[in-house]
């Protein structure tokens, strides 16, 4: 039997479309940037490709890109949405707006560590991965308390989306960590034996 036919909590993680800064190869992090024209096109294409589905509740990052992504997906327009600060993207502090290639060129050792072991890197004035994990798990606990069954949509951008998946399936963060390049994509997640796990 398909795992999604069981009476349990089913979760979809949705990444918003891209912004101008994303397309310029810059570190967007928690900056509130709207979707670019390309980002809107990505979401419209996603809307056309997604199979028919309904959800009972939406938890979304409070960013403009996340809000606009939901607006471009009419199938979710009548669903109650909670915009939650726990889903805000990683605060990269003074790295915000910097081109990723600039960081790679000027601080190659730090850049390599950021890609391979992001838990060990905290940008100046930014958040640590442990701080992000705390708020991500705060939201997961809230979802577990309120949603024993049914379907939930979570809207969050990379790299916080990778942190969410890492927390849900217990995988190493390095396997989920993406600083750029994944937009308007979705992943099914499931709750089984009181644990949220990625459904492969």
N, C-alpha and C. Protein backbone atom coordinates (compact mmCIF):
# COMPACT_ATOMS: atom_id res chain seq x y z
N UNK A 1 0.85 -1.20 0.00
CA UNK A 1 0.00 0.00 0.00
C UNK A 1 0.87 1.24 0.00
N UNK A 2 0.48 2.23 -0.75
CA UNK A 2 1.23 3.49 -0.77
C UNK A 2 1.23 4.11 0.62
N UNK A 3 2.42 4.56 1.07
CA UNK A 3 2.52 5.13 2.43
C UNK A 3 1.61 6.33 2.63
N UNK A 4 1.31 7.06 1.54
CA UNK A 4 0.49 8.25 1.68
C UNK A 4 -0.99 7.93 1.82
N UNK A 5 -1.37 6.64 1.72
CA UNK A 5 -2.76 6.26 1.92
C UNK A 5 -3.08 5.98 3.38
N UNK A 6 -2.03 5.92 4.22
CA UNK A 6 -2.26 5.69 5.63
C UNK A 6 -2.82 6.96 6.29
N UNK A 7 -3.67 6.79 7.32
CA UNK A 7 -4.21 7.95 8.04
C UNK A 7 -3.16 8.56 8.95
N UNK A 8 -2.29 9.37 8.40
CA UNK A 8 -1.20 9.96 9.16
C UNK A 8 -0.94 11.35 8.62
N UNK A 9 -0.04 12.04 9.26
CA UNK A 9 0.29 13.39 8.83
C UNK A 9 1.14 13.35 7.57
N UNK A 10 0.73 14.10 6.57
CA UNK A 10 1.47 14.19 5.32
C UNK A 10 1.89 15.63 5.13
N UNK A 11 3.15 15.84 4.83
CA UNK A 11 3.71 17.18 4.74
C UNK A 11 4.41 17.38 3.40
N UNK A 12 4.18 18.53 2.78
CA UNK A 12 4.90 18.90 1.58
C UNK A 12 5.77 20.11 1.90
N UNK A 13 7.04 20.05 1.53
CA UNK A 13 7.94 21.20 1.66
C UNK A 13 8.06 21.84 0.28
N UNK A 14 7.75 23.12 0.22
CA UNK A 14 7.76 23.85 -1.05
C UNK A 14 8.77 24.99 -0.98
N UNK A 15 9.65 25.06 -1.97
CA UNK A 15 10.62 26.15 -2.06
C UNK A 15 10.07 27.25 -2.96
N UNK A 16 10.15 28.52 -2.56
CA UNK A 16 9.66 29.61 -3.41
C UNK A 16 10.47 29.75 -4.69
N UNK A 17 9.95 30.57 -5.62
CA UNK A 17 10.70 30.90 -6.83
C UNK A 17 11.87 31.81 -6.50
N UNK A 18 12.68 32.08 -7.50
CA UNK A 18 13.91 32.86 -7.30
C UNK A 18 13.65 34.36 -7.29
N UNK A 19 14.63 35.10 -6.79
CA UNK A 19 14.62 36.56 -6.76
C UNK A 19 15.77 37.09 -7.61
N UNK A 20 15.78 38.39 -7.81
CA UNK A 20 16.88 39.00 -8.58
C UNK A 20 18.24 38.70 -7.95
N UNK A 21 18.31 38.76 -6.61
CA UNK A 21 19.60 38.50 -5.95
C UNK A 21 20.04 37.06 -6.15
N UNK A 22 19.09 36.13 -6.10
CA UNK A 22 19.44 34.73 -6.37
C UNK A 22 20.05 34.58 -7.75
N UNK A 23 19.44 35.23 -8.71
CA UNK A 23 19.89 35.10 -10.10
C UNK A 23 21.22 35.81 -10.35
N UNK A 24 21.56 36.74 -9.47
CA UNK A 24 22.86 37.40 -9.56
C UNK A 24 23.94 36.63 -8.79
N UNK A 25 23.56 35.49 -8.22
CA UNK A 25 24.53 34.70 -7.47
C UNK A 25 24.91 35.33 -6.15
N UNK A 26 23.98 36.10 -5.56
CA UNK A 26 24.26 36.77 -4.29
C UNK A 26 23.62 36.02 -3.13
N UNK A 27 24.14 36.25 -1.94
CA UNK A 27 23.62 35.62 -0.74
C UNK A 27 22.37 36.38 -0.29
N UNK A 28 21.23 35.74 -0.41
CA UNK A 28 19.96 36.39 -0.09
C UNK A 28 19.61 36.24 1.38
N UNK A 29 19.77 35.01 1.91
CA UNK A 29 19.48 34.78 3.32
C UNK A 29 18.12 35.30 3.74
N UNK A 30 18.10 36.10 4.80
CA UNK A 30 16.84 36.59 5.35
C UNK A 30 16.42 37.94 4.78
N UNK A 31 17.11 38.43 3.75
CA UNK A 31 16.67 39.66 3.09
C UNK A 31 15.28 39.44 2.48
N UNK A 32 14.41 40.43 2.58
CA UNK A 32 13.04 40.29 2.07
C UNK A 32 12.99 40.81 0.63
N UNK A 33 13.18 39.91 -0.33
CA UNK A 33 13.24 40.27 -1.74
C UNK A 33 12.07 39.61 -2.46
N UNK A 34 11.34 40.35 -3.30
CA UNK A 34 10.21 39.74 -4.02
C UNK A 34 10.68 38.81 -5.14
N UNK A 35 9.77 38.02 -5.65
CA UNK A 35 10.07 37.17 -6.79
C UNK A 35 10.48 38.02 -7.98
N UNK A 36 11.42 37.52 -8.76
CA UNK A 36 11.77 38.14 -10.04
C UNK A 36 10.78 37.65 -11.10
N UNK A 37 10.89 38.19 -12.30
CA UNK A 37 10.06 37.70 -13.40
C UNK A 37 10.32 36.21 -13.63
N UNK A 38 11.60 35.83 -13.59
CA UNK A 38 11.94 34.42 -13.74
C UNK A 38 11.34 33.59 -12.62
N UNK A 39 11.39 34.12 -11.39
CA UNK A 39 10.82 33.41 -10.25
C UNK A 39 9.33 33.17 -10.41
N UNK A 40 8.60 34.17 -10.90
CA UNK A 40 7.16 33.99 -11.13
C UNK A 40 6.92 32.94 -12.21
N UNK A 41 7.75 32.97 -13.26
CA UNK A 41 7.62 31.96 -14.31
C UNK A 41 7.89 30.55 -13.75
N UNK A 42 8.87 30.44 -12.87
CA UNK A 42 9.17 29.15 -12.26
C UNK A 42 7.97 28.62 -11.49
N UNK A 43 7.33 29.50 -10.73
CA UNK A 43 6.19 29.08 -9.91
C UNK A 43 5.00 28.74 -10.79
N UNK A 44 4.78 29.50 -11.85
CA UNK A 44 3.68 29.20 -12.76
C UNK A 44 3.89 27.85 -13.43
N UNK A 45 5.14 27.55 -13.80
CA UNK A 45 5.44 26.24 -14.39
C UNK A 45 5.22 25.14 -13.36
N UNK A 46 5.64 25.41 -12.12
CA UNK A 46 5.42 24.44 -11.04
C UNK A 46 3.94 24.17 -10.86
N UNK A 47 3.13 25.23 -10.88
CA UNK A 47 1.68 25.08 -10.70
C UNK A 47 1.08 24.18 -11.77
N UNK A 48 1.58 24.33 -13.00
CA UNK A 48 1.06 23.52 -14.10
C UNK A 48 1.50 22.06 -13.99
N UNK A 49 2.67 21.82 -13.37
CA UNK A 49 3.23 20.48 -13.31
C UNK A 49 2.81 19.69 -12.08
N UNK A 50 2.40 20.39 -11.01
CA UNK A 50 2.04 19.69 -9.78
C UNK A 50 0.78 18.86 -9.98
N UNK A 51 0.74 17.66 -9.42
CA UNK A 51 -0.48 16.85 -9.51
C UNK A 51 -1.59 17.47 -8.68
N UNK A 52 -2.85 17.14 -8.98
CA UNK A 52 -3.96 17.67 -8.19
C UNK A 52 -3.80 17.26 -6.72
N UNK A 53 -3.99 18.19 -5.83
CA UNK A 53 -3.86 17.89 -4.41
C UNK A 53 -4.52 19.00 -3.59
N UNK A 54 -4.84 18.66 -2.38
CA UNK A 54 -5.36 19.65 -1.43
C UNK A 54 -4.57 19.51 -0.13
N UNK A 55 -4.50 20.58 0.63
CA UNK A 55 -3.87 20.54 1.95
C UNK A 55 -4.81 21.18 2.95
N UNK A 56 -4.63 20.82 4.22
CA UNK A 56 -5.49 21.34 5.28
C UNK A 56 -4.96 22.62 5.91
N UNK A 57 -3.63 22.80 5.83
CA UNK A 57 -3.03 23.96 6.50
C UNK A 57 -1.72 24.30 5.81
N UNK A 58 -1.39 25.59 5.78
CA UNK A 58 -0.13 26.04 5.19
C UNK A 58 0.66 26.80 6.25
N UNK A 59 1.93 26.43 6.42
CA UNK A 59 2.87 27.16 7.25
C UNK A 59 3.91 27.74 6.32
N UNK A 60 4.08 29.05 6.34
CA UNK A 60 4.95 29.69 5.37
C UNK A 60 5.93 30.65 6.03
N UNK A 61 7.11 30.75 5.41
CA UNK A 61 8.03 31.82 5.77
C UNK A 61 7.34 33.16 5.51
N UNK A 62 7.71 34.20 6.26
CA UNK A 62 7.02 35.49 6.10
C UNK A 62 7.55 36.35 4.96
N UNK A 63 8.47 35.83 4.16
CA UNK A 63 9.12 36.63 3.12
C UNK A 63 8.17 36.94 1.97
N UNK A 64 8.49 38.00 1.24
CA UNK A 64 7.69 38.38 0.06
C UNK A 64 7.71 37.27 -0.99
N UNK A 65 8.86 36.64 -1.20
CA UNK A 65 8.96 35.58 -2.20
C UNK A 65 8.05 34.40 -1.85
N UNK A 66 8.00 34.03 -0.57
CA UNK A 66 7.13 32.93 -0.15
C UNK A 66 5.65 33.31 -0.32
N UNK A 67 5.30 34.53 0.07
CA UNK A 67 3.92 34.99 -0.07
C UNK A 67 3.50 35.01 -1.54
N UNK A 68 4.36 35.54 -2.39
CA UNK A 68 4.03 35.62 -3.81
C UNK A 68 3.96 34.24 -4.45
N UNK A 69 4.80 33.33 -3.99
CA UNK A 69 4.74 31.96 -4.51
C UNK A 69 3.38 31.35 -4.21
N UNK A 70 2.88 31.53 -3.00
CA UNK A 70 1.55 31.01 -2.67
C UNK A 70 0.47 31.66 -3.51
N UNK A 71 0.60 32.96 -3.77
CA UNK A 71 -0.39 33.66 -4.58
C UNK A 71 -0.44 33.12 -6.00
N UNK A 72 0.68 32.60 -6.49
CA UNK A 72 0.74 32.07 -7.85
C UNK A 72 0.25 30.61 -7.92
N UNK A 73 -0.13 30.05 -6.77
CA UNK A 73 -0.61 28.66 -6.73
C UNK A 73 -2.07 28.65 -6.29
N UNK A 74 -2.98 28.83 -7.22
CA UNK A 74 -4.40 28.99 -6.87
C UNK A 74 -5.00 27.81 -6.14
N UNK A 75 -4.41 26.63 -6.26
CA UNK A 75 -4.99 25.46 -5.58
C UNK A 75 -4.94 25.61 -4.06
N UNK A 76 -4.09 26.52 -3.56
CA UNK A 76 -3.97 26.70 -2.11
C UNK A 76 -4.63 28.00 -1.62
N UNK A 77 -5.34 28.70 -2.49
CA UNK A 77 -5.82 30.04 -2.14
C UNK A 77 -6.88 30.05 -1.04
N UNK A 78 -7.60 28.95 -0.86
CA UNK A 78 -8.65 28.91 0.16
C UNK A 78 -8.20 28.21 1.44
N UNK A 79 -6.92 27.94 1.55
CA UNK A 79 -6.38 27.25 2.72
C UNK A 79 -5.86 28.28 3.72
N UNK A 80 -6.08 28.02 4.99
CA UNK A 80 -5.59 28.92 6.03
C UNK A 80 -4.06 28.90 6.05
N UNK A 81 -3.45 30.09 6.01
CA UNK A 81 -1.99 30.21 5.97
C UNK A 81 -1.49 30.86 7.27
N UNK A 82 -0.49 30.26 7.86
CA UNK A 82 0.19 30.87 9.01
C UNK A 82 1.59 31.27 8.56
N UNK A 83 1.87 32.56 8.56
CA UNK A 83 3.20 33.06 8.24
C UNK A 83 4.01 33.09 9.53
N UNK A 84 5.02 32.26 9.58
CA UNK A 84 5.71 31.97 10.84
C UNK A 84 7.18 32.39 10.77
N UNK A 85 7.61 33.20 11.73
CA UNK A 85 9.01 33.65 11.76
C UNK A 85 9.99 32.50 11.96
N UNK A 86 9.53 31.37 12.49
CA UNK A 86 10.42 30.22 12.64
C UNK A 86 10.90 29.69 11.29
N UNK A 87 10.17 30.04 10.21
CA UNK A 87 10.54 29.59 8.87
C UNK A 87 11.33 30.64 8.10
N UNK A 88 11.63 31.77 8.74
CA UNK A 88 12.45 32.78 8.07
C UNK A 88 13.78 32.17 7.67
N UNK A 89 14.32 32.63 6.55
CA UNK A 89 15.57 32.04 6.08
C UNK A 89 16.72 32.40 7.01
N UNK A 90 17.82 31.69 6.83
CA UNK A 90 19.00 31.88 7.68
C UNK A 90 19.50 33.32 7.58
N UNK A 91 19.74 33.93 8.72
CA UNK A 91 20.30 35.29 8.76
C UNK A 91 21.81 35.19 8.54
N UNK A 92 22.25 35.67 7.38
CA UNK A 92 23.67 35.61 7.05
C UNK A 92 24.42 36.89 7.41
N UNK A 93 23.79 37.76 8.18
CA UNK A 93 24.48 38.92 8.70
C UNK A 93 25.15 39.77 7.63
N UNK A 94 26.44 40.05 7.82
CA UNK A 94 27.18 40.93 6.91
C UNK A 94 27.43 40.30 5.54
N UNK A 95 27.12 39.01 5.40
CA UNK A 95 27.27 38.37 4.10
C UNK A 95 26.11 38.66 3.16
N UNK A 96 25.03 39.20 3.70
CA UNK A 96 23.86 39.47 2.86
C UNK A 96 24.24 40.36 1.67
N UNK A 97 23.79 39.96 0.49
CA UNK A 97 24.04 40.73 -0.72
C UNK A 97 25.38 40.47 -1.37
N UNK A 98 26.27 39.77 -0.68
CA UNK A 98 27.59 39.46 -1.23
C UNK A 98 27.45 38.40 -2.32
N UNK A 99 28.24 38.53 -3.37
CA UNK A 99 28.25 37.49 -4.39
C UNK A 99 28.96 36.25 -3.82
N UNK A 100 28.38 35.09 -4.07
CA UNK A 100 28.95 33.86 -3.55
C UNK A 100 30.36 33.64 -4.09
N UNK A 101 30.59 33.96 -5.36
CA UNK A 101 31.93 33.79 -5.93
C UNK A 101 32.93 34.74 -5.28
N UNK A 102 32.44 35.89 -4.81
CA UNK A 102 33.33 36.83 -4.11
C UNK A 102 33.81 36.24 -2.79
N UNK A 103 32.87 35.63 -2.05
CA UNK A 103 33.25 34.98 -0.80
C UNK A 103 34.20 33.82 -1.07
N UNK A 104 33.91 33.05 -2.10
CA UNK A 104 34.77 31.92 -2.45
C UNK A 104 36.17 32.37 -2.82
N UNK A 105 36.29 33.49 -3.52
CA UNK A 105 37.60 34.01 -3.95
C UNK A 105 38.38 34.61 -2.79
N UNK A 106 37.69 35.40 -1.96
CA UNK A 106 38.39 36.14 -0.91
C UNK A 106 38.65 35.31 0.35
N UNK A 107 37.79 34.32 0.61
CA UNK A 107 37.96 33.50 1.81
C UNK A 107 37.74 32.02 1.45
N UNK A 108 38.63 31.46 0.63
CA UNK A 108 38.39 30.10 0.11
C UNK A 108 38.26 29.02 1.19
N UNK A 109 39.08 29.10 2.25
CA UNK A 109 39.00 28.09 3.30
C UNK A 109 37.67 28.17 4.05
N UNK A 110 37.26 29.40 4.37
CA UNK A 110 35.98 29.59 5.06
C UNK A 110 34.82 29.17 4.16
N UNK A 111 34.89 29.50 2.88
CA UNK A 111 33.84 29.12 1.95
C UNK A 111 33.70 27.60 1.87
N UNK A 112 34.83 26.91 1.79
CA UNK A 112 34.80 25.46 1.72
C UNK A 112 34.18 24.87 2.97
N UNK A 113 34.54 25.42 4.12
CA UNK A 113 33.95 24.94 5.38
C UNK A 113 32.46 25.22 5.41
N UNK A 114 32.02 26.36 4.91
CA UNK A 114 30.60 26.74 4.87
C UNK A 114 29.81 25.75 4.02
N UNK A 115 30.41 25.28 2.94
CA UNK A 115 29.74 24.32 2.07
C UNK A 115 29.76 22.91 2.65
N UNK A 116 30.86 22.53 3.27
CA UNK A 116 31.02 21.15 3.71
C UNK A 116 30.60 20.92 5.16
N UNK A 117 30.75 21.91 6.01
CA UNK A 117 30.38 21.79 7.43
C UNK A 117 29.72 23.09 7.90
N UNK A 118 28.53 23.39 7.39
CA UNK A 118 27.90 24.68 7.69
C UNK A 118 27.64 24.91 9.17
N UNK A 119 27.56 23.82 9.96
CA UNK A 119 27.34 23.99 11.40
C UNK A 119 28.49 24.72 12.08
N UNK A 120 29.67 24.69 11.45
CA UNK A 120 30.86 25.27 12.06
C UNK A 120 31.09 26.73 11.66
N UNK A 121 30.20 27.26 10.81
CA UNK A 121 30.39 28.62 10.29
C UNK A 121 29.23 29.51 10.70
N UNK A 122 29.55 30.64 11.30
CA UNK A 122 28.54 31.65 11.62
C UNK A 122 28.99 32.97 11.03
N UNK A 123 28.27 33.48 10.00
CA UNK A 123 28.66 34.75 9.38
C UNK A 123 28.66 35.87 10.42
N UNK A 124 29.52 36.86 10.26
CA UNK A 124 29.53 37.99 11.22
C UNK A 124 28.17 38.68 11.27
N UNK A 125 27.64 38.77 12.48
CA UNK A 125 26.33 39.39 12.66
C UNK A 125 25.18 38.51 12.29
N UNK A 126 25.43 37.23 11.96
CA UNK A 126 24.37 36.32 11.53
C UNK A 126 24.05 35.25 12.56
N UNK A 127 23.25 34.29 12.13
CA UNK A 127 22.82 33.19 12.99
C UNK A 127 23.75 31.99 12.87
N UNK A 128 23.80 31.21 13.94
CA UNK A 128 24.45 29.91 13.86
C UNK A 128 23.41 28.89 13.39
N UNK A 129 23.88 27.77 12.85
CA UNK A 129 22.97 26.71 12.43
C UNK A 129 22.20 26.17 13.63
N UNK A 130 22.83 26.09 14.79
CA UNK A 130 22.14 25.62 15.99
C UNK A 130 20.95 26.52 16.32
N UNK A 131 21.11 27.82 16.14
CA UNK A 131 19.99 28.74 16.40
C UNK A 131 18.84 28.50 15.42
N UNK A 132 19.19 28.25 14.16
CA UNK A 132 18.15 27.98 13.17
C UNK A 132 17.45 26.66 13.49
N UNK A 133 18.21 25.66 13.89
CA UNK A 133 17.62 24.36 14.23
C UNK A 133 16.63 24.49 15.38
N UNK A 134 16.96 25.32 16.35
CA UNK A 134 16.05 25.51 17.49
C UNK A 134 14.70 26.02 17.03
N UNK A 135 14.69 27.02 16.15
CA UNK A 135 13.39 27.55 15.73
C UNK A 135 12.67 26.62 14.76
N UNK A 136 13.43 25.91 13.93
CA UNK A 136 12.80 24.93 13.04
C UNK A 136 12.11 23.84 13.86
N UNK A 137 12.78 23.35 14.88
CA UNK A 137 12.18 22.31 15.71
C UNK A 137 11.03 22.83 16.55
N UNK A 138 11.05 24.11 16.88
CA UNK A 138 9.92 24.72 17.56
C UNK A 138 8.66 24.62 16.70
N UNK A 139 8.82 24.90 15.40
CA UNK A 139 7.68 24.80 14.49
C UNK A 139 7.24 23.36 14.30
N UNK A 140 8.19 22.43 14.16
CA UNK A 140 7.84 21.02 14.00
C UNK A 140 7.00 20.54 15.18
N UNK A 141 7.38 20.93 16.39
CA UNK A 141 6.60 20.55 17.57
C UNK A 141 5.19 21.13 17.51
N UNK A 142 5.07 22.37 17.05
CA UNK A 142 3.76 22.99 16.94
C UNK A 142 2.88 22.24 15.94
N UNK A 143 3.47 21.85 14.82
CA UNK A 143 2.72 21.10 13.81
C UNK A 143 2.27 19.76 14.37
N UNK A 144 3.15 19.08 15.07
CA UNK A 144 2.79 17.78 15.65
C UNK A 144 1.64 17.90 16.64
N UNK A 145 1.65 18.99 17.44
CA UNK A 145 0.58 19.18 18.42
C UNK A 145 -0.76 19.44 17.74
N UNK A 146 -0.75 20.23 16.67
CA UNK A 146 -1.99 20.69 16.06
C UNK A 146 -2.49 19.77 14.95
N UNK A 147 -1.58 19.05 14.30
CA UNK A 147 -1.96 18.24 13.15
C UNK A 147 -1.60 16.78 13.41
N UNK A 148 -2.58 15.99 13.87
CA UNK A 148 -2.33 14.57 14.09
C UNK A 148 -2.45 13.78 12.79
N UNK A 149 -3.19 14.33 11.84
CA UNK A 149 -3.38 13.67 10.54
C UNK A 149 -3.71 14.76 9.53
N UNK A 150 -3.86 14.35 8.27
CA UNK A 150 -4.16 15.32 7.23
C UNK A 150 -2.92 15.74 6.46
N UNK A 151 -3.03 16.85 5.76
CA UNK A 151 -1.94 17.31 4.89
C UNK A 151 -1.57 18.75 5.22
N UNK A 152 -0.27 18.99 5.31
CA UNK A 152 0.27 20.32 5.65
C UNK A 152 1.29 20.71 4.59
N UNK A 153 1.27 21.97 4.21
CA UNK A 153 2.26 22.53 3.29
C UNK A 153 3.17 23.47 4.06
N UNK A 154 4.50 23.29 3.92
CA UNK A 154 5.49 24.19 4.51
C UNK A 154 6.21 24.89 3.37
N UNK A 155 6.24 26.23 3.40
CA UNK A 155 6.89 27.01 2.35
C UNK A 155 8.14 27.66 2.94
N UNK A 156 9.30 27.28 2.44
CA UNK A 156 10.57 27.81 2.96
C UNK A 156 11.64 27.72 1.88
N UNK A 157 12.53 28.71 1.87
CA UNK A 157 13.59 28.77 0.86
C UNK A 157 14.86 28.09 1.35
N UNK A 158 15.74 27.75 0.39
CA UNK A 158 17.07 27.28 0.75
C UNK A 158 17.89 28.45 1.30
N UNK A 159 18.75 28.24 2.29
CA UNK A 159 19.13 26.95 2.84
C UNK A 159 18.30 26.46 4.02
N UNK A 160 17.33 27.26 4.51
CA UNK A 160 16.57 26.78 5.66
C UNK A 160 15.73 25.56 5.29
N UNK A 161 15.35 25.44 4.02
CA UNK A 161 14.59 24.26 3.59
C UNK A 161 15.42 22.99 3.81
N UNK A 162 16.71 23.06 3.52
CA UNK A 162 17.58 21.90 3.75
C UNK A 162 17.72 21.56 5.22
N UNK A 163 17.75 22.60 6.06
CA UNK A 163 17.81 22.37 7.51
C UNK A 163 16.54 21.68 7.98
N UNK A 164 15.39 22.11 7.45
CA UNK A 164 14.12 21.49 7.81
C UNK A 164 14.14 20.01 7.45
N UNK A 165 14.55 19.70 6.21
CA UNK A 165 14.59 18.30 5.79
C UNK A 165 15.56 17.48 6.63
N UNK A 166 16.70 18.06 6.96
CA UNK A 166 17.67 17.37 7.80
C UNK A 166 17.08 17.03 9.16
N UNK A 167 16.34 17.97 9.73
CA UNK A 167 15.71 17.72 11.02
C UNK A 167 14.59 16.70 10.92
N UNK A 168 13.88 16.68 9.81
CA UNK A 168 12.75 15.77 9.66
C UNK A 168 13.18 14.33 9.43
N UNK A 169 14.24 14.12 8.65
CA UNK A 169 14.59 12.75 8.32
C UNK A 169 15.86 12.26 9.02
N UNK A 170 16.47 13.13 9.83
CA UNK A 170 17.64 12.71 10.58
C UNK A 170 18.91 12.57 9.76
N UNK A 171 18.89 13.07 8.54
CA UNK A 171 20.06 12.96 7.67
C UNK A 171 21.11 14.00 8.07
N UNK A 172 22.33 13.80 7.61
CA UNK A 172 23.39 14.78 7.85
C UNK A 172 23.05 16.06 7.09
N UNK A 173 23.28 17.19 7.74
CA UNK A 173 22.96 18.47 7.10
C UNK A 173 23.72 18.65 5.79
N UNK A 174 24.95 18.13 5.74
CA UNK A 174 25.75 18.30 4.52
C UNK A 174 25.04 17.74 3.29
N UNK A 175 24.23 16.69 3.47
CA UNK A 175 23.53 16.09 2.34
C UNK A 175 22.33 16.91 1.91
N UNK A 176 21.90 17.84 2.75
CA UNK A 176 20.72 18.66 2.46
C UNK A 176 21.07 20.13 2.21
N UNK A 177 22.29 20.53 2.58
CA UNK A 177 22.67 21.94 2.57
C UNK A 177 22.80 22.46 1.15
N UNK A 178 22.03 23.50 0.83
CA UNK A 178 22.10 24.16 -0.47
C UNK A 178 22.06 25.67 -0.21
N UNK A 179 23.09 26.39 -0.66
CA UNK A 179 23.09 27.84 -0.46
C UNK A 179 22.42 28.55 -1.63
N UNK A 180 22.22 27.85 -2.74
CA UNK A 180 21.56 28.46 -3.88
C UNK A 180 21.13 27.37 -4.87
N UNK A 181 20.30 27.74 -5.84
CA UNK A 181 20.06 26.88 -6.98
C UNK A 181 18.84 25.99 -6.95
N UNK A 182 18.03 26.01 -5.90
CA UNK A 182 16.81 25.20 -5.87
C UNK A 182 15.63 26.12 -5.63
N UNK A 183 14.80 26.25 -6.65
CA UNK A 183 13.67 27.18 -6.59
C UNK A 183 12.41 26.53 -7.17
N UNK A 184 11.27 26.88 -6.58
CA UNK A 184 9.97 26.39 -7.07
C UNK A 184 9.99 24.87 -7.20
N UNK A 185 10.47 24.20 -6.16
CA UNK A 185 10.49 22.74 -6.11
C UNK A 185 9.75 22.28 -4.86
N UNK A 186 9.23 21.06 -4.93
CA UNK A 186 8.51 20.54 -3.76
C UNK A 186 8.96 19.12 -3.45
N UNK A 187 8.85 18.75 -2.18
CA UNK A 187 9.24 17.44 -1.68
C UNK A 187 8.17 16.96 -0.70
N UNK A 188 7.67 15.75 -0.90
CA UNK A 188 6.73 15.18 0.06
C UNK A 188 7.46 14.69 1.30
N UNK A 189 6.82 14.88 2.44
CA UNK A 189 7.33 14.43 3.73
C UNK A 189 6.20 13.67 4.41
N UNK A 190 6.53 12.71 5.24
CA UNK A 190 5.45 12.00 5.93
C UNK A 190 5.73 11.86 7.42
N UNK A 191 4.70 11.70 8.18
CA UNK A 191 4.81 11.45 9.62
C UNK A 191 4.49 9.97 9.86
N UNK A 192 5.44 9.26 10.44
CA UNK A 192 5.24 7.84 10.69
C UNK A 192 5.85 7.49 12.02
N UNK A 193 5.10 6.74 12.82
CA UNK A 193 5.56 6.38 14.17
C UNK A 193 5.97 7.60 14.98
N UNK A 194 5.18 8.68 14.82
CA UNK A 194 5.39 9.95 15.54
C UNK A 194 6.69 10.63 15.15
N UNK A 195 7.25 10.29 14.00
CA UNK A 195 8.44 10.96 13.52
C UNK A 195 8.18 11.44 12.10
N UNK A 196 8.59 12.67 11.82
CA UNK A 196 8.46 13.20 10.47
C UNK A 196 9.65 12.72 9.66
N UNK A 197 9.39 12.08 8.53
CA UNK A 197 10.45 11.56 7.70
C UNK A 197 10.18 11.90 6.25
N UNK A 198 11.24 12.09 5.49
CA UNK A 198 11.08 12.34 4.06
C UNK A 198 10.59 11.07 3.39
N UNK A 199 9.55 11.19 2.59
CA UNK A 199 9.05 10.06 1.82
C UNK A 199 9.79 10.01 0.50
N UNK A 200 10.54 8.97 0.26
CA UNK A 200 11.38 8.89 -0.92
C UNK A 200 10.61 8.23 -2.06
